Protein backbone atom coordinates (compact mmCIF):
# COMPACT_ATOMS: atom_id res chain seq x y z
CA MET A 1 252.65 101.75 190.50
CA ASN A 2 254.71 99.42 192.66
CA GLU A 3 252.90 100.58 195.77
CA TYR A 4 249.53 99.89 194.07
CA LEU A 5 250.70 96.33 193.08
CA GLU A 6 251.86 95.64 196.64
CA LYS A 7 248.46 96.72 197.90
CA GLN A 8 246.69 94.50 195.44
CA LYS A 9 248.79 91.49 196.49
CA GLU A 10 248.06 92.31 200.14
CA LEU A 11 244.29 92.38 199.47
CA TYR A 12 244.05 89.56 196.95
CA GLY A 13 247.28 87.54 197.42
CA ASP A 14 245.39 84.30 198.08
CA ASN A 15 242.97 84.79 195.22
CA PRO A 16 243.47 81.88 192.78
CA GLY A 17 241.95 84.12 190.02
CA PHE A 18 243.66 86.29 187.43
CA ASP A 19 246.81 88.13 188.55
CA VAL A 20 246.61 91.67 187.22
CA SER A 21 250.19 92.56 188.14
CA GLU A 22 251.56 91.41 184.82
CA VAL A 23 249.05 93.50 182.91
CA LEU A 24 249.76 96.64 184.95
CA ALA A 25 253.47 96.24 184.64
CA LYS A 26 253.43 96.94 180.89
CA PRO A 27 251.71 99.89 179.14
CA TYR A 28 248.47 99.46 177.34
CA ASP A 29 249.08 98.58 173.68
CA LYS A 30 246.30 100.05 171.60
CA ASP A 31 247.78 98.70 168.37
CA LEU A 32 248.04 95.10 169.50
CA ALA A 33 244.97 93.85 167.60
CA THR A 34 246.00 95.67 164.38
CA SER A 35 249.53 94.34 164.49
CA LEU A 36 248.25 90.71 164.86
CA TYR A 37 245.67 91.02 162.02
CA ASN A 38 246.66 89.26 158.81
CA PRO A 39 244.24 90.11 155.94
CA ALA A 40 245.25 86.92 154.19
CA LYS A 41 244.37 84.81 157.24
CA PRO A 42 241.58 86.79 158.93
CA MET A 43 240.82 84.02 161.44
CA ALA A 44 244.47 83.71 162.66
CA ASN A 45 245.50 85.44 165.89
CA ARG A 46 242.00 86.55 166.70
CA ILE A 47 241.75 88.22 170.10
CA THR A 48 238.29 87.54 171.66
CA ASP A 49 236.82 87.77 175.14
CA ILE A 50 239.70 89.63 176.62
CA GLY A 51 237.45 92.25 178.13
CA PRO A 52 238.30 95.84 178.72
CA ALA A 53 241.75 97.06 179.67
CA HIS A 54 242.36 97.60 183.41
CA PHE A 55 241.24 101.13 184.48
CA PHE A 56 244.45 101.83 186.34
CA GLN A 57 246.36 102.08 183.03
CA PHE A 58 244.28 105.02 181.92
CA LEU A 59 244.57 107.14 185.07
CA PRO A 60 246.57 110.31 184.77
CA PRO A 61 250.04 109.77 186.37
CA VAL A 62 249.43 112.04 189.27
CA ILE A 63 246.35 110.02 190.22
CA GLN A 64 248.28 106.71 189.74
CA ARG A 65 251.04 107.96 192.06
CA ASN A 66 248.63 108.95 194.78
CA HIS A 67 246.01 106.19 194.49
CA GLY A 68 244.54 105.65 197.89
CA LYS A 69 246.46 108.62 199.38
CA TRP A 70 244.08 111.52 198.94
CA LYS A 71 243.60 113.56 202.14
CA TYR A 72 240.79 115.88 201.17
CA HIS A 73 239.39 117.88 198.28
CA GLU A 74 237.71 121.32 198.06
CA ILE A 75 235.85 123.25 195.40
CA VAL A 76 238.15 126.35 194.82
CA GLU A 77 235.75 127.92 192.40
CA PRO A 78 232.70 126.81 190.35
CA GLY A 79 233.71 123.84 188.17
CA VAL A 80 237.17 123.50 189.79
CA ILE A 81 237.86 120.74 192.39
CA LYS A 82 241.35 120.64 194.12
CA TYR A 83 242.55 117.29 195.38
CA VAL A 84 245.37 117.15 197.96
CA SER A 85 247.42 114.04 198.65
CA GLU A 86 249.44 112.76 201.73
CA THR A 87 252.49 113.17 199.60
CA GLY A 88 251.80 116.89 199.13
CA GLU A 89 250.95 116.58 195.45
CA THR A 90 247.85 118.28 194.18
CA CYS A 91 245.40 117.62 191.38
CA PHE A 92 242.88 120.08 189.86
CA ALA A 93 239.80 118.63 188.14
CA VAL A 94 238.20 121.17 185.75
CA ARG A 95 234.60 120.14 185.03
CA CYS A 96 232.91 121.38 181.75
CA GLY A 97 229.35 120.91 180.74
CA SER A 98 228.71 118.96 177.61
CA ALA A 99 225.75 117.59 175.56
CA ARG A 100 225.20 113.90 175.70
CA LEU A 101 225.31 113.65 171.89
CA ILE A 102 228.43 115.32 170.50
CA THR A 103 230.14 115.35 167.07
CA THR A 104 233.46 113.76 166.19
CA VAL A 105 234.75 117.30 165.47
CA LEU A 106 234.13 118.27 169.09
CA LEU A 107 235.63 115.00 170.26
CA ARG A 108 238.89 115.80 168.33
CA GLU A 109 238.99 119.32 169.91
CA ILE A 110 238.54 117.63 173.42
CA ALA A 111 241.44 115.25 172.59
CA GLU A 112 243.56 118.33 171.41
CA ILE A 113 242.96 120.09 174.80
CA ALA A 114 243.79 117.01 176.78
CA GLU A 115 247.03 116.47 174.82
CA LYS A 116 248.02 120.04 175.36
CA TYR A 117 247.36 120.45 179.07
CA CYS A 118 246.55 117.02 180.62
CA ASN A 119 249.09 114.48 179.33
CA SER A 120 246.38 113.19 176.96
CA SER A 121 244.00 112.27 179.75
CA VAL A 122 240.30 113.21 179.91
CA ARG A 123 237.27 111.70 181.46
CA TRP A 124 233.46 111.93 181.28
CA THR A 125 231.31 111.92 184.43
CA THR A 126 227.90 110.18 184.74
CA ARG A 127 226.12 113.45 184.06
CA ASN A 128 227.90 114.00 180.66
CA ASN A 129 230.47 116.42 182.09
CA ILE A 130 233.93 116.59 180.67
CA GLU A 131 236.68 116.60 183.25
CA PHE A 132 240.38 117.65 182.49
CA HIS A 133 243.05 117.12 185.19
CA VAL A 134 246.05 119.30 185.70
CA GLU A 135 248.72 119.29 188.54
CA THR A 136 249.71 123.03 188.99
CA GLU A 137 248.12 126.41 189.42
CA ASP A 138 249.85 127.69 186.37
CA GLN A 139 248.40 124.78 184.28
CA LEU A 140 245.01 125.33 185.73
CA ARG A 141 244.94 129.06 184.85
CA ALA A 142 246.19 128.35 181.29
CA LEU A 143 243.57 125.67 180.78
CA LEU A 144 240.75 127.83 182.10
CA ASP A 145 241.78 130.80 179.90
CA ASP A 146 241.83 128.37 176.88
CA LEU A 147 238.45 126.89 177.63
CA LYS A 148 236.92 130.38 178.07
CA GLY A 149 238.19 131.35 174.60
CA ARG A 150 236.59 128.46 172.75
CA LYS A 151 233.14 129.38 171.58
CA PHE A 152 230.54 128.16 168.94
CA PRO A 153 229.80 130.54 166.00
CA GLY A 154 226.63 131.69 167.79
CA GLY A 155 228.70 133.01 170.74
CA SER A 156 228.06 130.24 173.41
CA TYR A 157 230.90 128.54 175.23
CA LYS A 158 231.96 125.18 173.82
CA PHE A 159 233.24 124.13 177.24
CA PRO A 160 231.37 126.00 179.97
CA VAL A 161 233.02 125.45 183.37
CA GLY A 162 230.74 124.77 186.28
CA GLY A 163 228.41 122.05 187.72
CA THR A 164 230.10 121.66 191.23
CA GLY A 165 228.92 122.73 194.61
CA ALA A 166 225.81 124.84 195.23
CA CYS A 167 224.65 125.03 191.50
CA VAL A 168 222.46 123.37 188.88
CA THR A 169 224.41 120.38 187.66
CA ASN A 170 224.46 119.24 184.07
CA ILE A 171 221.20 117.53 183.25
CA VAL A 172 221.38 113.72 182.85
CA HIS A 173 218.97 112.55 180.29
CA THR A 174 217.81 109.76 177.98
CA GLN A 175 217.81 109.30 174.19
CA GLY A 176 214.64 111.14 173.10
CA TRP A 177 213.66 111.34 169.45
CA VAL A 178 217.24 111.00 168.25
CA HIS A 179 217.55 107.40 169.03
CA CYS A 180 214.76 105.84 171.22
CA HIS A 181 211.67 104.17 169.88
CA THR A 182 209.26 104.76 172.81
CA PRO A 183 209.80 108.45 173.86
CA ALA A 184 206.89 110.70 174.60
CA ILE A 185 209.05 113.89 174.29
CA ASP A 186 212.41 114.75 172.98
CA ALA A 187 215.37 114.68 175.35
CA SER A 188 218.28 116.77 173.86
CA SER A 189 216.13 119.72 172.83
CA VAL A 190 214.39 119.93 176.29
CA VAL A 191 217.78 119.73 177.99
CA LYS A 192 219.26 122.37 175.70
CA VAL A 193 216.55 125.11 176.26
CA THR A 194 216.35 124.37 179.96
CA MET A 195 220.07 124.62 180.54
CA ASP A 196 220.25 127.67 178.35
CA ASN A 197 217.65 129.33 180.67
CA LEU A 198 219.50 128.09 183.84
CA PHE A 199 223.01 128.79 182.66
CA GLU A 200 223.64 131.46 185.34
CA TYR A 201 223.08 128.77 188.03
CA PHE A 202 225.55 126.26 186.31
CA GLY A 203 228.68 128.35 186.63
CA SER A 204 228.06 129.97 189.93
CA HIS A 205 227.29 129.09 193.61
CA LYS A 206 224.08 131.19 193.98
CA LEU A 207 221.86 128.42 195.23
CA PRO A 208 221.55 127.10 198.80
CA ALA A 209 222.75 123.67 197.85
CA GLN A 210 223.24 121.48 194.78
CA VAL A 211 220.33 121.04 192.44
CA ARG A 212 220.30 117.98 190.23
CA VAL A 213 218.01 117.99 187.18
CA ALA A 214 217.16 114.85 185.23
CA LEU A 215 215.03 114.10 182.21
CA ALA A 216 213.54 110.80 181.05
CA CYS A 217 211.59 110.86 177.76
CA CYS A 218 209.17 108.17 178.94
CA LEU A 219 207.93 106.30 181.95
CA ASN A 220 210.66 103.52 181.51
CA MET A 221 212.87 106.24 183.02
CA CYS A 222 216.33 105.48 181.74
CA GLY A 223 217.21 108.89 183.44
CA ALA A 224 217.49 109.30 187.23
CA VAL A 225 214.10 111.07 187.51
CA HIS A 226 212.94 109.07 190.51
CA CYS A 227 215.66 110.52 192.71
CA SER A 228 216.56 114.02 191.41
CA ASP A 229 215.74 117.46 192.84
CA ILE A 230 213.87 118.34 189.73
CA ALA A 231 212.73 115.70 187.16
CA ILE A 232 211.33 116.13 183.73
CA LEU A 233 209.40 113.11 182.62
CA GLY A 234 207.80 112.47 179.24
CA ILE A 235 204.43 110.73 179.48
CA HIS A 236 202.06 108.97 177.16
CA ARG A 237 198.36 109.40 177.90
CA LYS A 238 196.83 107.18 175.22
CA PRO A 239 197.11 103.44 174.74
CA PRO A 240 198.91 102.00 171.78
CA LEU A 241 197.25 102.05 168.28
CA VAL A 242 196.77 98.49 167.00
CA GLU A 243 197.42 98.35 163.29
CA ASP A 244 195.30 95.36 162.37
CA GLU A 245 196.23 95.26 158.65
CA ARG A 246 199.93 94.60 159.34
CA ILE A 247 200.28 93.29 162.95
CA SER A 248 200.11 89.57 162.01
CA GLY A 249 202.88 90.10 159.35
CA VAL A 250 205.37 91.92 161.48
CA CYS A 251 204.72 90.68 164.98
CA GLU A 252 204.56 87.50 166.96
CA LEU A 253 201.31 87.98 168.85
CA PRO A 254 202.12 85.87 171.85
CA LEU A 255 205.22 88.03 172.45
CA ALA A 256 203.21 91.22 172.19
CA VAL A 257 200.74 89.77 174.75
CA ALA A 258 203.48 88.56 177.11
CA ALA A 259 205.34 91.93 176.83
CA CYS A 260 202.67 93.78 178.83
CA PRO A 261 203.61 93.87 182.61
CA LEU A 262 199.98 94.56 183.57
CA GLY A 263 198.19 91.97 181.39
CA ALA A 264 196.40 94.71 179.34
CA ILE A 265 196.81 93.00 176.00
CA LYS A 266 194.64 90.01 174.85
CA PRO A 267 194.45 88.09 171.60
CA ALA A 268 191.58 89.04 169.39
CA SER A 269 190.16 88.47 165.84
CA VAL A 270 188.87 91.01 163.48
CA GLU A 271 187.68 91.18 159.91
CA VAL A 272 189.75 93.26 157.53
CA ASN A 273 188.59 93.58 153.82
CA GLY A 274 186.35 90.52 154.20
CA GLU A 275 189.17 88.41 155.74
CA LYS A 276 189.31 87.21 159.31
CA ILE A 277 192.71 87.92 160.83
CA LYS A 278 194.31 87.41 164.19
CA THR A 279 195.29 90.64 166.14
CA VAL A 280 195.21 91.98 169.75
CA ARG A 281 193.13 94.45 171.75
CA VAL A 282 194.28 96.72 174.62
CA ASN A 283 192.38 97.18 177.80
CA GLN A 284 192.80 100.96 178.37
CA GLU A 285 191.78 100.76 182.05
CA ARG A 286 194.86 98.48 182.70
CA CYS A 287 197.41 100.14 180.27
CA MET A 288 200.05 102.30 181.88
CA PHE A 289 201.39 103.53 178.51
CA CYS A 290 204.94 102.10 179.05
CA GLY A 291 205.65 101.08 175.48
CA ASN A 292 206.81 97.55 176.16
CA CYS A 293 204.39 96.13 173.59
CA TYR A 294 205.68 98.41 170.90
CA THR A 295 209.27 97.21 171.72
CA MET A 296 208.03 93.70 170.72
CA CYS A 297 205.51 94.70 168.09
CA PRO A 298 206.12 97.66 165.75
CA ALA A 299 202.52 97.54 164.61
CA MET A 300 201.44 98.93 168.08
CA PRO A 301 202.80 102.51 167.92
CA LEU A 302 202.46 104.62 171.08
CA ALA A 303 203.53 108.09 170.09
CA ASP A 304 200.75 110.66 169.87
CA HIS A 305 201.21 114.40 169.22
CA GLU A 306 198.11 115.40 171.28
CA GLY A 307 198.38 112.87 174.05
CA ASP A 308 202.06 112.97 174.80
CA GLY A 309 203.39 115.52 177.21
CA ILE A 310 205.54 116.29 180.30
CA ALA A 311 205.23 115.62 184.01
CA ILE A 312 207.34 117.40 186.58
CA LEU A 313 208.57 115.73 189.75
CA VAL A 314 210.70 117.26 192.53
CA GLY A 315 212.36 116.47 195.77
CA GLY A 316 214.35 113.40 195.16
CA LYS A 317 217.97 112.83 196.17
CA ILE A 318 220.50 110.09 196.51
CA SER A 319 222.65 111.68 199.16
CA ASN A 320 222.40 110.45 202.71
CA ARG A 321 223.70 113.79 204.03
CA ILE A 322 221.54 115.70 206.66
CA THR A 323 218.49 113.67 205.68
CA ALA A 324 217.87 110.26 204.32
CA PRO A 325 217.58 109.67 200.42
CA LYS A 326 214.27 110.60 199.12
CA PHE A 327 212.15 109.67 196.05
CA SER A 328 210.81 112.36 193.82
CA LYS A 329 207.19 113.37 194.09
CA LEU A 330 204.74 114.31 191.30
CA ILE A 331 203.81 117.95 191.39
CA ILE A 332 202.60 118.69 187.83
CA PRO A 333 200.84 115.66 185.99
CA TYR A 334 200.79 117.11 182.55
CA ILE A 335 202.32 119.95 180.55
CA PRO A 336 201.61 119.87 176.70
CA SER A 337 204.37 119.00 174.37
CA GLU A 338 205.76 122.22 172.94
CA PRO A 339 208.72 121.60 170.72
CA PRO A 340 211.24 123.05 169.89
CA LEU A 341 211.39 125.64 172.76
CA TRP A 342 209.29 123.79 175.45
CA THR A 343 208.25 127.16 176.91
CA SER A 344 205.86 126.04 179.61
CA THR A 345 208.29 123.42 180.96
CA VAL A 346 211.21 125.78 181.06
CA LYS A 347 209.07 128.48 182.86
CA VAL A 348 208.02 125.98 185.55
CA VAL A 349 211.58 124.68 186.24
CA ARG A 350 212.90 128.20 186.41
CA LYS A 351 210.04 129.27 188.83
CA ILE A 352 210.83 126.25 191.17
CA ILE A 353 214.52 127.01 191.27
CA GLU A 354 214.05 130.77 191.92
CA THR A 355 211.55 130.12 194.68
CA TYR A 356 213.81 127.56 196.30
CA SER A 357 216.83 129.83 196.00
CA ASN A 358 214.94 132.62 197.84
CA GLY A 359 213.47 130.49 200.56
CA ALA A 360 215.76 127.55 201.48
CA ASN A 361 218.53 127.56 204.16
CA LYS A 362 222.14 127.04 203.27
CA TYR A 363 222.96 123.41 202.42
CA GLU A 364 219.19 122.53 202.35
CA ARG A 365 218.22 120.44 199.38
CA LEU A 366 215.05 121.21 197.51
CA GLY A 367 213.07 118.20 198.91
CA SER A 368 214.18 119.03 202.42
CA TRP A 369 213.08 122.61 201.97
CA ALA A 370 209.72 121.55 200.74
CA GLU A 371 209.22 119.28 203.71
CA ARG A 372 210.27 121.92 206.11
CA ILE A 373 207.78 124.51 204.89
CA GLY A 374 205.15 121.87 203.98
CA TRP A 375 204.22 120.64 200.60
CA GLU A 376 200.98 122.74 200.70
CA ARG A 377 203.15 125.90 201.06
CA PHE A 378 205.52 124.64 198.36
CA PHE A 379 202.78 124.36 195.74
CA GLU A 380 201.48 127.79 196.82
CA LYS A 381 204.85 129.50 196.63
CA CYS A 382 205.60 127.95 193.22
CA ASP A 383 202.18 128.91 191.79
CA ILE A 384 201.43 125.22 191.07
CA PRO A 385 197.80 124.09 191.37
CA PHE A 386 197.30 121.03 193.63
CA THR A 387 195.02 118.52 191.94
CA ASP A 388 193.80 115.00 192.74
CA LYS A 389 196.45 113.73 190.33
CA SER A 390 199.11 114.87 192.77
CA ILE A 391 197.83 112.41 195.40
CA ASP A 392 199.73 109.21 195.24
CA ASP A 393 197.14 106.44 195.32
CA TYR A 394 199.34 103.62 194.27
CA ARG A 395 198.59 100.86 196.82
CA LEU A 396 202.20 99.97 197.62
CA ALA A 397 203.22 103.65 198.16
CA TYR A 398 203.79 103.93 201.88
CA ASN A 399 205.33 107.48 201.80
CA THR A 400 203.10 109.98 200.16
CA TYR A 401 202.06 113.57 200.80
CA HIS A 402 199.79 112.82 203.83
CA THR A 403 199.69 109.58 205.77
CA THR A 404 198.70 111.21 209.10
CA THR A 405 196.49 113.93 210.26
CA GLN A 406 199.40 116.31 210.69
CA PHE A 407 199.92 118.98 208.02
CA LYS A 408 201.52 122.34 207.42
CA TRP A 409 199.59 125.51 207.03
CA SER A 410 198.89 127.07 203.64
CA VAL A 411 197.07 129.98 202.18
CA HIS A 412 193.71 128.04 202.48
CA THR A 413 194.13 127.61 206.32
CA ASP A 414 195.54 131.15 206.78
CA LYS A 415 192.14 132.44 205.76
């Protein structure tokens, strides 16, 4: 702790702003607000605008002691990362797959595990993984044995260990039907059946490199589908339905018009039951089915059982290793919505991963493999038809499938 404070003073000693050293010198008091609250005088001693507690107070002791001193890390087995410090201390991070939406019962069980093995510390990653940290090999083995013994009534693991290295990582996803108001598909159920099918790749190092899968339930893309190896994207294919009978009663029409980023909504007047009322109309040629109008106006619903479906994109990545970061490319423009098992989507994702696993070189990401063999050959190997919808005709897209006369050979040219 003292070394960390000295480093802070060295870096920010002349900063006239808030001095964090006083905060870090005393432990975090989770009961402070409760102790100051007086029911008889609810406005007295109110604590507002204090912001979150400093992150350093919540780090496990071994990480606090070695802050800024880590020499290297290695993946010792799927789901287990070993960190080694200059001081000789070690820390093992055990990564477990988890759903994005979990019950309070499961949260209590996670807290119980953290109290038993990890000095009450636990963290979540950005891909909804749970990470437990221990310091010794003995603690690591005890923790892993405990996690393997915890199962749901159906027999599946509550805390499957994996998601590191050359594997399929936990799927980062959006809200879906559970919470969001503009989804074209569900999120949680698609992720569940997909990961069930790919589970063998989550807890092993069978793949040439890491495969990140993401899901966004509509084109607003709250998930990282634009830069993931495989992306599952929910799409609307029909414009919003305008409910003329109620729109003027529940919406401010200027807001609905202004909400459209493409200017596809215009004011209009119609006659309903012999009465002339103000409403709006949607220019279908300009609409991109984003749902912004429905956000502002609940009388313009967008969800449609027959029109909504799934698009698949592949080849994106954020990593700058070996090759530059890449955006995902559309390979399948539409798969019908098939709840609750989403059979066609799961089959496509499985086929892509198996083909990539059999053809890529070690450490080669999915997009790099597709570029090396040629996108023509990629479509052929994965049994995906190439249609005109797969050609990016967006006028500001400077990097698409073909911008030159150079191309790779495929089955069409082989003949």
